[in-house]
Protein backbone atom coordinates (compact mmCIF):
# COMPACT_ATOMS: atom_id res chain seq x y z
CA MET A 1 88.62 160.45 153.57
CA ALA A 2 89.72 157.31 155.35
CA ASN A 3 93.35 156.80 156.22
CA PRO A 4 95.27 154.82 153.57
CA VAL A 5 95.63 151.11 154.22
CA GLU A 6 99.16 149.75 154.47
CA VAL A 7 99.51 146.68 152.23
CA LYS A 8 102.40 144.52 153.37
CA VAL A 9 104.10 141.33 152.24
CA PRO A 10 102.09 138.49 153.83
CA ASP A 11 103.40 135.24 155.23
CA ILE A 12 105.61 133.76 152.48
CA GLY A 13 107.00 130.89 154.48
CA ASP A 14 110.70 130.67 155.15
CA PHE A 15 111.64 133.02 152.32
CA LYS A 16 113.56 136.16 153.26
CA ASP A 17 115.14 138.96 151.23
CA VAL A 18 113.16 137.95 148.15
CA GLU A 19 113.71 140.08 145.04
CA VAL A 20 110.93 142.14 143.47
CA ILE A 21 110.97 141.21 139.76
CA GLU A 22 107.70 142.86 138.67
CA VAL A 23 105.64 145.80 139.90
CA LEU A 24 102.19 145.30 138.40
CA VAL A 25 100.49 148.53 139.54
CA LYS A 26 101.28 152.23 139.78
CA PRO A 27 99.98 155.20 141.82
CA GLY A 28 96.42 156.12 140.79
CA ASP A 29 95.49 152.62 139.65
CA ALA A 30 92.08 151.37 140.73
CA ILE A 31 92.50 147.74 141.69
CA ASP A 32 90.23 144.88 142.68
CA LYS A 33 90.49 142.53 145.61
CA GLU A 34 92.93 139.67 144.90
CA GLN A 35 94.48 141.57 141.98
CA SER A 36 98.23 140.96 141.78
CA LEU A 37 100.38 143.85 142.99
CA VAL A 38 103.98 142.67 142.71
CA THR A 39 105.87 139.52 141.74
CA LEU A 40 108.58 138.15 144.01
CA GLU A 41 111.19 135.61 142.99
CA SER A 42 113.50 133.54 145.18
CA ASP A 43 116.01 130.89 144.13
CA LYS A 44 113.24 128.28 144.53
CA ALA A 45 109.93 129.90 143.56
CA THR A 46 108.13 132.83 141.98
CA MET A 47 105.01 134.25 143.64
CA GLU A 48 102.55 137.08 143.12
CA ILE A 49 101.29 139.13 146.05
CA PRO A 50 97.54 139.91 145.76
CA SER A 51 95.71 142.94 147.14
CA PRO A 52 93.77 142.19 150.34
CA GLU A 53 90.94 144.53 149.23
CA ALA A 54 89.79 146.83 146.46
CA GLY A 55 90.86 150.45 146.29
CA VAL A 56 93.13 153.02 144.66
CA VAL A 57 96.91 152.88 144.87
CA LYS A 58 98.07 156.05 146.63
CA GLU A 59 101.80 155.43 146.92
CA LEU A 60 104.25 152.64 146.08
CA LYS A 61 106.76 151.82 148.79
CA LEU A 62 109.07 149.54 146.81
CA LYS A 63 110.60 149.26 143.33
CA LEU A 64 112.06 146.69 140.98
CA GLY A 65 115.08 144.94 142.42
CA ASP A 66 114.23 145.61 146.07
CA LYS A 67 114.70 142.76 148.55
CA VAL A 68 111.70 142.18 150.79
CA SER A 69 110.58 139.80 153.54
CA GLU A 70 107.35 139.16 155.41
CA GLY A 71 105.91 142.43 156.74
CA ALA A 72 107.67 144.71 154.23
CA LEU A 73 105.45 147.61 153.09
CA ILE A 74 104.36 147.30 149.45
CA LEU A 75 102.04 150.30 148.99
CA LEU A 76 99.44 152.58 150.53
CA LEU A 77 95.90 151.82 149.41
CA GLU A 78 92.86 154.07 149.61
CA ALA A 79 90.17 151.48 150.17
CA GLY A 80 86.39 151.63 149.68
CA ALA A 81 84.63 154.27 147.61
CA GLY A 82 87.84 155.66 146.21
CA ALA A 83 88.17 152.72 143.89
CA ALA A 84 84.71 153.15 142.38
CA GLU A 85 85.25 156.91 141.95
CA ALA A 86 88.57 156.32 140.19
CA LYS A 87 87.06 153.78 137.83
CA THR A 88 84.12 156.05 137.04
CA ALA A 89 86.42 158.98 136.37
CA ALA A 90 88.63 156.84 134.14
CA ALA A 91 85.60 155.70 132.12
CA GLN A 92 83.97 159.13 131.64
CA PRO A 93 86.37 160.73 129.10
CA ALA A 94 85.90 157.84 126.67
CA VAL A 95 82.09 158.30 126.69
CA ALA A 96 81.40 161.99 127.36
CA ALA A 97 84.27 163.71 125.60
CA PRO A 98 84.75 162.43 122.05
CA ALA A 99 87.64 163.99 120.18
CA PRO A 100 86.69 166.55 117.48
CA ALA A 101 87.01 165.35 113.88
CA LYS A 102 90.34 166.00 112.17
CA ALA A 103 91.84 167.40 115.36
CA ALA A 104 95.56 168.09 115.12
CA PRO A 105 97.66 165.78 117.32
CA ALA A 106 99.19 167.23 120.43
CA ALA A 107 102.87 168.10 120.38
CA SER A 108 103.64 165.39 122.91
CA GLU A 109 101.86 162.84 120.69
CA ARG A 110 103.78 163.96 117.61
CA ALA A 111 107.05 163.59 119.46
CA VAL A 112 106.52 159.89 120.23
CA PRO A 113 107.41 157.64 117.27
CA PRO A 114 105.30 154.54 116.59
CA PRO A 115 106.64 151.35 118.12
CA ALA A 116 108.93 149.25 115.92
CA ARG A 117 107.50 146.10 114.39
CA SER A 118 109.14 142.94 115.69
CA GLY A 119 107.25 140.11 113.98
CA ILE A 120 103.87 138.65 113.16
CA PHE A 121 102.52 139.43 116.60
CA ASP A 122 102.51 143.13 115.65
CA GLU A 123 100.47 142.41 112.51
CA VAL A 124 97.61 140.28 113.78
CA PRO A 125 94.01 141.44 113.14
CA PRO A 126 91.86 142.76 116.00
CA LEU A 127 90.55 140.15 118.37
CA PRO A 128 86.97 138.92 117.82
CA PRO A 129 84.13 140.68 119.69
CA ALA A 130 83.43 139.72 123.28
CA HIS A 131 79.79 139.62 124.40
CA GLY A 132 78.76 141.57 121.31
CA ARG A 133 81.25 144.42 121.83
CA PRO A 134 84.42 144.94 119.78
CA VAL A 135 87.67 144.53 121.67
CA PRO A 136 90.08 147.40 120.96
CA ARG A 137 93.69 146.65 120.10
CA MET A 138 95.95 147.77 122.88
CA PRO A 139 98.97 149.87 121.96
CA ARG A 140 102.49 149.14 123.13
CA ASP A 141 102.59 151.72 125.87
CA GLU A 142 104.73 151.28 128.94
CA THR A 143 102.34 153.55 130.87
CA VAL A 144 99.52 151.01 130.55
CA SER A 145 99.25 148.71 133.53
CA LYS A 146 100.46 145.18 132.88
CA PRO A 147 97.93 142.52 131.93
CA HIS A 148 96.67 140.19 134.61
CA ALA A 149 98.75 136.98 134.29
CA SER A 150 100.84 134.69 136.48
CA PRO A 151 104.66 134.66 136.32
CA SER A 152 104.66 131.35 134.46
CA VAL A 153 102.31 132.73 131.83
CA ARG A 154 104.45 135.87 131.49
CA ARG A 155 107.55 133.72 131.06
CA PHE A 156 105.73 131.56 128.50
CA ALA A 157 104.68 134.66 126.54
CA ARG A 158 108.22 136.08 126.60
CA GLU A 159 109.60 132.83 125.20
CA LEU A 160 107.14 133.04 122.28
CA GLY A 161 107.60 136.77 121.72
CA VAL A 162 103.97 137.56 122.55
CA ASP A 163 102.87 140.96 123.87
CA LEU A 164 100.36 140.10 126.62
CA ALA A 165 98.69 143.49 126.14
CA ARG A 166 97.24 142.05 122.92
CA VAL A 167 95.89 138.87 124.53
CA ARG A 168 92.39 138.63 125.98
CA GLY A 169 92.23 136.63 129.18
CA SER A 170 89.64 133.91 129.71
CA GLY A 171 90.39 133.24 133.38
CA PRO A 172 88.73 134.70 136.45
CA LYS A 173 88.57 138.53 136.31
CA GLY A 174 90.14 138.50 132.86
CA ARG A 175 93.27 136.68 133.98
CA ILE A 176 95.40 135.43 131.05
CA VAL A 177 96.13 131.71 131.16
CA HIS A 178 98.47 129.50 129.08
CA ALA A 179 95.64 128.50 126.72
CA ASP A 180 95.01 132.18 125.89
CA VAL A 181 98.64 132.67 124.82
CA GLN A 182 98.60 129.46 122.77
CA GLY A 183 95.37 130.49 121.07
CA PHE A 184 96.79 133.91 120.26
CA VAL A 185 99.90 132.37 118.68
CA LYS A 186 97.80 129.95 116.59
CA SER A 187 95.64 132.83 115.38
CA ALA A 188 98.70 134.90 114.50
CA LEU A 189 100.44 132.06 112.66
CA ALA A 190 97.28 131.22 110.72
CA GLY A 191 97.31 134.71 109.25
CA ALA A 192 101.07 134.95 108.75
CA ALA A 193 101.48 133.35 105.33
CA PRO A 194 103.03 136.51 103.80
CA ALA A 195 105.57 136.73 106.62
CA ALA A 196 106.42 133.05 106.28
CA ALA A 197 106.88 133.48 102.54
CA GLY A 198 109.21 136.35 103.20
CA ALA A 199 111.26 134.17 105.51
CA ALA A 200 111.56 131.47 102.86
CA ALA A 201 112.85 134.08 100.44
CA GLY A 202 115.42 135.34 102.89
CA GLY A 203 113.22 137.94 104.60
CA ALA A 204 112.32 138.37 108.25
CA LEU A 205 111.35 135.25 110.14
CA PRO A 206 107.80 135.11 111.57
CA PHE A 207 109.09 135.23 115.13
CA ALA A 208 110.16 138.05 117.42
CA LEU A 209 113.85 137.13 117.28
CA PRO A 210 116.55 139.48 118.58
CA ALA A 211 118.33 141.57 115.96
CA TRP A 212 121.54 140.14 114.50
CA PRO A 213 124.54 141.74 116.25
CA GLU A 214 126.50 144.33 114.28
CA ILE A 215 130.19 143.98 115.12
CA ASP A 216 133.29 145.71 113.78
CA TYR A 217 135.45 142.59 113.54
CA ALA A 218 138.43 144.52 112.16
CA LYS A 219 139.04 146.18 115.51
CA PHE A 220 139.99 142.80 116.97
CA GLY A 221 142.45 141.79 114.25
CA PRO A 222 142.96 141.18 110.53
CA ILE A 223 139.91 140.00 108.58
CA GLU A 224 138.96 138.91 105.07
CA THR A 225 135.47 139.29 103.59
CA LYS A 226 134.31 136.50 101.28
CA LYS A 227 130.95 136.41 99.54
CA LEU A 228 128.67 133.42 100.06
CA SER A 229 128.27 131.19 97.04
CA ARG A 230 125.00 131.23 95.11
CA ILE A 231 124.12 127.79 96.49
CA GLN A 232 124.71 128.98 100.05
CA LYS A 233 122.55 132.05 99.50
CA LEU A 234 119.72 129.94 98.11
CA SER A 235 119.89 127.09 100.61
CA GLY A 236 120.57 129.15 103.74
CA PRO A 237 117.06 130.63 104.18
CA ASN A 238 115.44 127.25 103.48
CA LEU A 239 117.65 125.49 106.02
CA HIS A 240 116.89 128.21 108.57
CA ARG A 241 113.15 127.93 107.90
CA ASN A 242 113.23 124.13 108.24
CA TRP A 243 115.23 124.24 111.48
CA ILE A 244 112.95 126.88 113.03
CA SER A 245 109.60 125.49 111.90
CA ILE A 246 110.13 121.71 112.21
CA PRO A 247 110.51 120.12 115.67
CA HIS A 248 113.62 118.04 114.98
CA VAL A 249 114.54 114.94 116.97
CA THR A 250 117.47 112.69 116.02
CA GLN A 251 117.59 108.93 116.61
CA PHE A 252 121.11 107.46 116.67
CA ASP A 253 121.80 103.83 115.82
CA GLU A 254 124.39 101.67 114.09
CA ALA A 255 124.40 98.85 111.56
CA ASP A 256 126.74 95.90 111.19
CA ILE A 257 127.87 96.11 107.54
CA THR A 258 130.72 93.61 107.71
CA GLU A 259 129.24 91.21 105.14
CA LEU A 260 127.79 94.01 103.03
CA GLU A 261 131.16 95.73 102.71
CA ALA A 262 132.80 92.46 101.74
CA PHE A 263 130.14 91.94 99.05
CA ARG A 264 130.61 95.50 97.78
CA LYS A 265 134.38 95.08 97.46
CA SER A 266 133.98 91.76 95.63
CA ASN A 267 131.98 93.54 92.93
CA THR A 268 133.99 96.76 92.53
CA ALA A 269 136.22 95.36 89.79
CA ASP A 270 133.19 94.42 87.73
CA THR A 271 131.49 97.80 88.08
CA GLU A 272 134.68 99.72 87.32
CA LYS A 273 134.91 97.85 84.01
CA ARG A 274 131.41 99.10 83.28
CA GLY A 275 132.51 102.66 83.95
CA PHE A 276 131.07 103.41 87.39
CA LYS A 277 131.96 102.90 91.04
CA LEU A 278 129.95 100.71 93.39
CA THR A 279 129.63 102.75 96.59
CA MET A 280 128.04 101.98 99.94
CA LEU A 281 125.55 104.78 99.23
CA ALA A 282 123.87 102.70 96.51
CA PHE A 283 123.21 99.96 99.04
CA LEU A 284 121.95 102.56 101.53
CA ILE A 285 119.39 103.84 99.02
CA LYS A 286 118.16 100.30 98.38
CA ALA A 287 117.95 99.55 102.10
CA CYS A 288 116.12 102.83 102.83
CA VAL A 289 113.49 102.05 100.20
CA THR A 290 112.89 98.68 101.87
CA ALA A 291 112.50 100.40 105.27
CA LEU A 292 110.22 103.09 103.82
CA LYS A 293 107.90 100.42 102.44
CA GLN A 294 107.79 98.82 105.88
CA TYR A 295 107.16 102.21 107.58
CA PRO A 296 105.32 104.33 104.96
CA HIS A 297 104.76 107.40 107.15
CA PHE A 298 108.51 108.09 106.90
CA ASN A 299 107.91 108.57 103.16
CA ALA A 300 105.06 111.00 103.79
CA ALA A 301 104.59 114.77 103.61
CA LEU A 302 102.74 116.95 106.10
CA GLU A 303 100.13 119.23 104.56
CA LYS A 304 100.68 122.95 105.01
CA SER A 305 97.55 123.08 107.18
CA GLY A 306 99.13 120.52 109.51
CA GLU A 307 95.91 118.50 109.56
CA ASN A 308 96.63 115.77 106.98
CA LEU A 309 99.49 113.43 106.16
CA ILE A 310 100.09 112.61 102.50
CA ILE A 311 101.45 109.07 102.13
CA ARG A 312 103.47 108.90 98.93
CA ARG A 313 103.59 105.59 97.09
CA TYR A 314 106.63 106.53 95.03
CA TYR A 315 110.22 106.53 96.28
CA HIS A 316 112.34 109.46 95.13
CA ILE A 317 115.47 109.57 97.30
CA GLY A 318 117.38 112.83 97.70
CA VAL A 319 121.16 112.43 98.08
CA ALA A 320 123.30 115.26 99.46
CA VAL A 321 126.29 115.97 97.20
CA ASP A 322 129.26 118.02 98.36
CA THR A 323 130.42 120.52 95.72
CA PRO A 324 133.03 123.31 95.83
CA ASP A 325 130.18 125.86 96.07
CA GLY A 326 128.19 124.09 98.75
CA LEU A 327 125.76 121.26 99.33
CA VAL A 328 123.10 120.29 96.77
CA VAL A 329 120.53 117.49 96.98
CA PRO A 330 119.72 115.88 93.62
CA VAL A 331 116.97 113.25 93.58
CA ILE A 332 117.19 109.62 92.46
CA ARG A 333 113.71 108.92 91.09
CA ASP A 334 111.83 105.63 91.41
CA ALA A 335 114.62 104.08 93.46
CA ASP A 336 112.36 101.12 94.23
CA ARG A 337 112.42 100.08 90.56
CA LYS A 338 116.21 100.07 90.22
CA GLY A 339 118.88 97.57 91.17
CA VAL A 340 121.98 98.42 93.16
CA PHE A 341 124.16 98.61 90.03
CA ASP A 342 121.66 100.98 88.36
CA LEU A 343 121.59 103.15 91.49
CA ALA A 344 125.39 103.25 91.67
CA LYS A 345 125.70 104.32 88.03
CA GLU A 346 123.03 107.01 88.40
CA LEU A 347 124.69 108.28 91.57
CA GLY A 348 127.96 108.69 89.71
CA ASP A 349 126.28 110.53 86.83
CA ILE A 350 124.21 112.90 88.96
CA SER A 351 127.12 113.66 91.31
CA LYS A 352 129.24 114.69 88.30
CA LEU A 353 126.45 116.95 87.07
CA ALA A 354 126.28 118.55 90.51
CA ARG A 355 130.02 119.23 90.67
CA ASP A 356 129.98 120.59 87.10
CA LYS A 357 127.05 122.91 87.97
CA LYS A 358 124.86 121.30 85.33
CA LEU A 359 121.95 120.19 87.48
CA LYS A 360 118.52 121.38 86.36
CA PRO A 361 115.92 122.63 88.87
CA GLY A 362 113.83 119.52 88.25
CA ASP A 363 116.76 117.32 89.27
CA MET A 364 116.37 118.55 92.85
CA GLN A 365 112.58 118.40 93.20
CA GLY A 366 110.07 115.76 94.26
CA GLY A 367 112.15 113.98 96.90
CA THR A 368 110.34 111.86 99.48
CA PHE A 369 113.28 111.01 101.77
CA SER A 370 116.91 112.19 101.91
CA ILE A 371 120.29 110.72 102.76
CA SER A 372 123.30 112.78 103.83
CA SER A 373 126.47 110.70 103.92
CA LEU A 374 129.66 111.97 105.55
CA GLY A 375 131.27 108.54 105.59
CA GLY A 376 134.00 109.58 103.19
CA ILE A 377 134.99 112.50 105.43
CA GLY A 378 134.66 111.36 109.04
CA GLY A 379 132.72 111.85 112.23
CA SER A 380 130.71 109.49 114.39
CA ALA A 381 127.25 111.14 114.44
CA PHE A 382 125.47 114.38 113.51
CA THR A 383 122.00 115.93 113.26
CA PRO A 384 120.97 116.45 109.61
CA ILE A 385 118.29 119.09 108.93
CA ILE A 386 115.04 117.80 107.45
CA ASN A 387 114.36 118.89 103.87
CA ALA A 388 110.73 120.10 103.99
CA PRO A 389 108.17 118.92 103.03
CA GLU A 390 109.85 115.59 103.81
CA VAL A 391 109.46 114.34 107.37
CA ALA A 392 112.77 112.50 107.85
CA ILE A 393 116.39 112.43 106.69
CA LEU A 394 119.11 109.84 107.30
CA GLY A 395 122.62 110.89 108.21
CA VAL A 396 125.47 108.40 107.73
CA SER A 397 128.93 108.77 109.28
CA ARG A 398 132.21 106.89 108.77
CA SER A 399 132.14 103.17 109.51
CA SER A 400 134.72 101.73 111.89
CA MET A 401 135.91 98.28 112.96
CA ARG A 402 134.91 97.54 116.53
CA PRO A 403 134.84 94.53 118.87
CA VAL A 404 131.26 93.25 119.15
CA TRP A 405 130.07 90.52 121.53
CA ASP A 406 128.49 87.64 119.60
CA GLY A 407 127.36 85.71 122.67
CA LYS A 408 130.60 83.80 123.10
CA ALA A 409 133.41 86.21 122.36
CA PHE A 410 134.24 89.67 121.05
CA VAL A 411 134.68 89.61 117.29
CA PRO A 412 135.73 92.42 114.92
CA ARG A 413 132.74 93.91 113.08
CA LEU A 414 132.45 96.88 110.75
CA MET A 415 129.85 99.20 112.28
CA LEU A 416 128.12 102.03 110.40
CA PRO A 417 126.73 104.99 112.48
CA LEU A 418 123.22 106.12 111.55
CA SER A 419 121.60 109.46 112.49
CA LEU A 420 117.90 109.75 111.66
CA SER A 421 116.37 113.21 112.08
CA TYR A 422 112.57 113.21 112.02
CA ASP A 423 109.63 115.60 112.31
CA HIS A 424 108.21 114.97 115.77
CA ARG A 425 104.77 116.21 114.66
CA VAL A 426 104.50 113.13 112.44
CA ILE A 427 106.88 110.56 113.91
CA ASP A 428 107.34 109.62 117.56
CA GLY A 429 110.47 108.25 119.18
CA ALA A 430 109.29 104.66 119.27
CA SER A 431 108.59 104.66 115.51
CA ALA A 432 111.98 106.21 114.80
CA ALA A 433 113.75 103.56 116.88
CA ARG A 434 111.86 100.81 115.04
CA PHE A 435 112.76 102.36 111.68
CA THR A 436 116.50 102.56 112.37
CA SER A 437 116.50 99.10 113.93
CA TYR A 438 114.81 97.65 110.85
CA LEU A 439 117.13 99.59 108.53
CA ALA A 440 120.14 98.22 110.42
CA SER A 441 118.83 94.68 110.01
CA VAL A 442 118.46 95.20 106.24
CA LEU A 443 122.00 96.55 105.96
CA SER A 444 123.35 93.63 107.98
CA ASP A 445 121.73 91.23 105.49
CA ILE A 446 120.96 92.93 102.17
CA ARG A 447 118.91 89.90 101.11
CA ARG A 448 116.11 91.39 103.23
CA SER A 449 115.69 94.05 100.51
CA LEU A 450 114.40 91.29 98.25
CA LEU A 451 111.64 90.26 100.63
């Protein structure tokens, strides 16, 4: 038997005392030439150290957390025929020694509980056959050598909650690349409708999220336990689903509503005689409809498959209403067919129904675009959560008088902050900026809504 080969850390440039963050092999492993042995990480880079030749690992000379430099001994390798013998020996039991039918499990096997399920990536079907042979599902077993993948791919998989032992590599020598992880996730999500439905109903989310912390708050001081309202219990899972599953981006802008506010105030006495209040929100609905007609994909819905966009030619505007039990979003239907006074009256009626808990389920369905106004409370900007299957929602904060340069001097203008959250799968940043800019122009001159 030939003397073991010493495998050392090669030239790694100016790096010294680099930490070992992964040990990818163990004694007895048969490895190929260029197969990764360990992963080193400095404050500037992460690198894998490959094997200079094929063989069998006889002894490891370092462990996780060790600091190494060029020339440090990694392992002893039995090169040459030893590798082939080890691989042959490892393959023989699977072919020549099938287990007897109905054999009782060994005591050591009975003592090991099955691994806990953590999400949809534990429930995916077996991978498709490769070259006509079925690919077995790999168990979660810490004794199995780690899959062949670069540090960046491992980091990418950790971020998505993917077990690389379940991913088949398409790179050289079975190396797992980014595309393999992405394909695995797409396959898992495509078959995860039951899990997603459970999440919408308040069940587990279809992601490998950490468990919620269990804390004894009373040991830190006095506490009071208060049950969530029914509205909060119903809306919470939906809000969580929307925030997790929709890539939110928020475009901030502002509109000069100086003239619009003056016009609103000049008509309040008339509307109060008619029994309703003329609010800025009625004008916002009218202006949003005008903008949605100009940019129809903001009034769209994304199909569940994610492949088609449904452009809706009706304009049902959801309006967030603050009630003692939580937020509800009744829908103003066919807002494009109603005048500002009609919208104001309907807003007053539907808001009263919401506060009196008399809304019907149908009153909160069919919305195409939503508005959440905090102008009566305060704040300068916020990020509203999109109400799926809608693709955008407008947040409105409190208006304020500010000096604005008109080209000759600073003049006082009433400015209204706008916060547009949009689904980035459907709408890009440039479109969102155009939408808010156009909406601001309509609000600055409401006559544009007539064009």
